[in-house]
């Protein structure tokens, strides 16, 4: 009976599925963001998050456990040296899935899966939003943006006249 044994098999045998998830996890660790289908991304998230949690504790046993899943020493080294340092204070949720639409060939739902602490664009957006929350700072920002804009044409005009002569 298969009671309580429900997870996405992704249309593959167990060995093929494990090899594919290990390869995808190595690519995610090396490149910090990969593009794949939503179903594979959800399966990858369940596969890679326990490995990242294991990498927080840098012991010989945890390295062996992670290596037995990934089978790539460069990915294991990067996971323990760089990624575990950056996510040390995060209690979980190391990956993010962002849907990007459907693939042209077969209309499969596509997405990015990325490591949360490595997306510089989202980190910059959070900092910018925090800085412009108060009313006074937004008025100052508008005033400072308007002042250089008024000065810019005056400084560029003599340069244009010199080029014309």
Protein backbone atom coordinates (compact mmCIF):
# COMPACT_ATOMS: atom_id res chain seq x y z
CA UNK A 1 0.00 0.00 0.00
CA UNK A 2 1.13 3.54 -0.62
CA UNK A 3 -0.60 5.30 2.23
CA UNK A 4 1.08 8.59 3.22
CA UNK A 5 3.75 8.30 0.52
CA UNK A 6 2.72 11.29 -1.56
CA UNK A 7 5.35 13.43 -3.28
CA UNK A 8 5.98 14.46 -6.85
CA UNK A 9 7.81 11.74 -8.77
CA UNK A 10 8.40 14.13 -11.70
CA UNK A 11 7.82 11.30 -14.20
CA UNK A 12 11.16 9.66 -13.38
CA UNK A 13 12.51 6.61 -11.63
CA UNK A 14 13.89 7.07 -8.13
CA UNK A 15 17.54 6.94 -9.22
CA UNK A 16 16.97 9.39 -12.10
CA UNK A 17 15.04 11.75 -9.79
CA UNK A 18 17.78 11.69 -7.13
CA UNK A 19 20.51 12.31 -9.72
CA UNK A 20 18.54 15.19 -11.27
CA UNK A 21 17.87 16.83 -7.89
CA UNK A 22 21.54 16.47 -6.91
CA UNK A 23 22.65 18.10 -10.18
CA UNK A 24 20.12 20.90 -9.79
CA UNK A 25 21.21 21.48 -6.18
CA UNK A 26 24.86 21.72 -7.26
CA UNK A 27 23.90 24.23 -9.97
CA UNK A 28 21.88 26.25 -7.47
CA UNK A 29 24.79 26.34 -5.02
CA UNK A 30 27.30 27.33 -7.70
CA UNK A 31 25.20 29.89 -9.60
CA UNK A 32 22.89 31.07 -6.75
CA UNK A 33 19.91 31.17 -9.18
CA UNK A 34 18.61 28.72 -11.78
CA UNK A 35 15.62 28.64 -14.12
CA UNK A 36 13.44 25.53 -14.10
CA UNK A 37 9.83 24.39 -13.98
CA UNK A 38 7.72 25.07 -10.90
CA UNK A 39 7.30 21.36 -10.09
CA UNK A 40 11.06 20.73 -10.20
CA UNK A 41 11.73 23.89 -8.18
CA UNK A 42 9.36 22.77 -5.41
CA UNK A 43 11.01 19.33 -5.34
CA UNK A 44 14.45 20.97 -5.31
CA UNK A 45 13.46 23.22 -2.41
CA UNK A 46 12.59 20.17 -0.29
CA UNK A 47 15.88 18.54 -1.32
CA UNK A 48 18.31 21.44 -0.82
CA UNK A 49 17.01 23.22 2.29
CA UNK A 50 17.91 20.38 4.70
CA UNK A 51 21.39 20.30 3.14
CA UNK A 52 21.84 24.03 3.73
CA UNK A 53 20.67 23.60 7.32
CA UNK A 54 23.20 20.78 7.72
CA UNK A 55 25.96 23.06 6.39
CA UNK A 56 25.52 25.49 9.31
CA UNK A 57 27.35 22.97 11.51
CA UNK A 58 30.76 22.52 9.85
CA UNK A 59 31.78 19.09 11.08
CA UNK A 60 33.28 16.14 9.27
CA UNK A 61 30.05 14.18 9.59
CA UNK A 62 27.86 16.96 8.20
CA UNK A 63 30.26 17.38 5.26
CA UNK A 64 30.04 13.64 4.57
CA UNK A 65 26.24 13.66 4.73
CA UNK A 66 26.02 16.62 2.33
CA UNK A 67 28.61 15.10 -0.02
CA UNK A 68 26.70 11.80 -0.11
CA UNK A 69 23.70 13.74 -1.44
CA UNK A 70 25.47 16.14 -3.83
CA UNK A 71 28.51 14.15 -5.09
CA UNK A 72 30.34 17.37 -6.05
CA UNK A 73 33.21 18.49 -3.83
CA UNK A 74 33.31 22.02 -5.27
CA UNK A 75 29.63 22.55 -4.48
CA UNK A 76 30.13 21.16 -0.97
CA UNK A 77 33.12 23.46 -0.40
CA UNK A 78 31.20 26.52 -1.57
CA UNK A 79 28.19 25.53 0.53
CA UNK A 80 30.24 25.24 3.71
CA UNK A 81 32.61 28.19 3.07
CA UNK A 82 30.38 30.92 1.59
CA UNK A 83 26.70 30.09 1.86
CA UNK A 84 26.68 28.76 5.43
CA UNK A 85 28.41 31.94 6.65
CA UNK A 86 25.85 34.16 4.93
CA UNK A 87 22.80 32.26 6.22
CA UNK A 88 24.10 31.57 9.72
CA UNK A 89 21.47 33.69 11.48
CA UNK A 90 18.54 32.68 9.21
CA UNK A 91 16.30 30.03 10.84
CA UNK A 92 15.04 28.58 7.53
CA UNK A 93 13.61 29.52 4.17
CA UNK A 94 16.91 29.70 2.33
CA UNK A 95 15.41 29.59 -1.17
CA UNK A 96 12.82 31.65 -3.03
CA UNK A 97 10.70 30.62 -6.03
CA UNK A 98 9.68 33.41 -8.45
CA UNK A 99 7.30 32.41 -11.24
CA UNK A 100 8.22 33.79 -14.67
CA UNK A 101 5.40 32.61 -16.94
CA UNK A 102 4.99 29.68 -19.29
CA UNK A 103 7.54 28.07 -21.59
CA UNK A 104 6.88 28.55 -25.29
CA UNK A 105 7.43 24.94 -26.38
CA UNK A 106 5.14 23.01 -24.05
CA UNK A 107 3.48 25.78 -21.96
CA UNK A 108 5.08 24.47 -18.75
CA UNK A 109 5.07 26.89 -15.79
CA UNK A 110 8.60 28.28 -15.44
CA UNK A 111 10.28 29.98 -12.50
CA UNK A 112 13.53 31.11 -10.93
CA UNK A 113 14.70 29.38 -7.79
CA UNK A 114 17.35 31.34 -5.96
CA UNK A 115 19.16 31.58 -2.66
CA UNK A 116 17.49 34.34 -0.65
CA UNK A 117 20.58 36.14 0.67
CA UNK A 118 22.21 36.35 -2.76
CA UNK A 119 19.67 38.48 -4.62
CA UNK A 120 21.18 41.98 -4.54
CA UNK A 121 18.23 43.57 -6.34
CA UNK A 122 15.71 42.61 -3.65
CA UNK A 123 18.12 43.61 -0.88
CA UNK A 124 18.52 47.08 -2.44
CA UNK A 125 14.74 47.46 -2.74
CA UNK A 126 14.27 46.70 0.97
CA UNK A 127 16.89 49.28 1.95
CA UNK A 128 15.37 51.92 -0.33
CA UNK A 129 11.86 51.32 1.02
CA UNK A 130 13.03 51.66 4.61
CA UNK A 131 14.78 54.95 3.88
CA UNK A 132 11.71 56.64 2.34
CA UNK A 133 9.08 55.80 4.94
CA UNK A 134 8.83 59.13 6.75
CA UNK A 135 7.22 62.17 5.27
CA UNK A 136 10.09 64.53 5.99
CA UNK A 137 12.71 62.40 4.27
CA UNK A 138 10.59 62.18 1.10
CA UNK A 139 10.21 65.99 0.98
CA UNK A 140 13.96 66.39 1.45
CA UNK A 141 14.60 63.84 -1.28
CA UNK A 142 12.33 65.73 -3.69
CA UNK A 143 14.04 69.03 -2.81
CA UNK A 144 17.54 67.60 -3.32
CA UNK A 145 16.56 66.00 -6.63
CA UNK A 146 15.08 69.27 -7.92
CA UNK A 147 18.13 71.41 -6.99
CA UNK A 148 20.75 69.49 -9.04
CA UNK A 149 18.32 69.27 -11.97
CA UNK A 150 18.05 73.08 -12.03
CA UNK A 151 21.84 73.49 -11.93
CA UNK A 152 22.63 70.87 -14.57
CA UNK A 153 21.52 72.81 -17.70
CA UNK A 154 23.37 75.94 -16.56
CA UNK A 155 26.67 74.05 -16.29
CA UNK A 156 26.19 72.20 -19.59
CA UNK A 157 25.32 75.29 -21.65
CA UNK A 158 28.86 76.83 -21.77
CA UNK A 159 30.29 73.48 -22.80
CA UNK A 160 27.81 73.23 -25.69
CA UNK A 161 28.61 76.82 -26.78
CA UNK A 162 32.34 76.08 -26.77
CA UNK A 163 31.79 73.02 -28.97
CA UNK A 164 29.68 75.06 -31.38
CA UNK A 165 32.47 77.65 -31.86
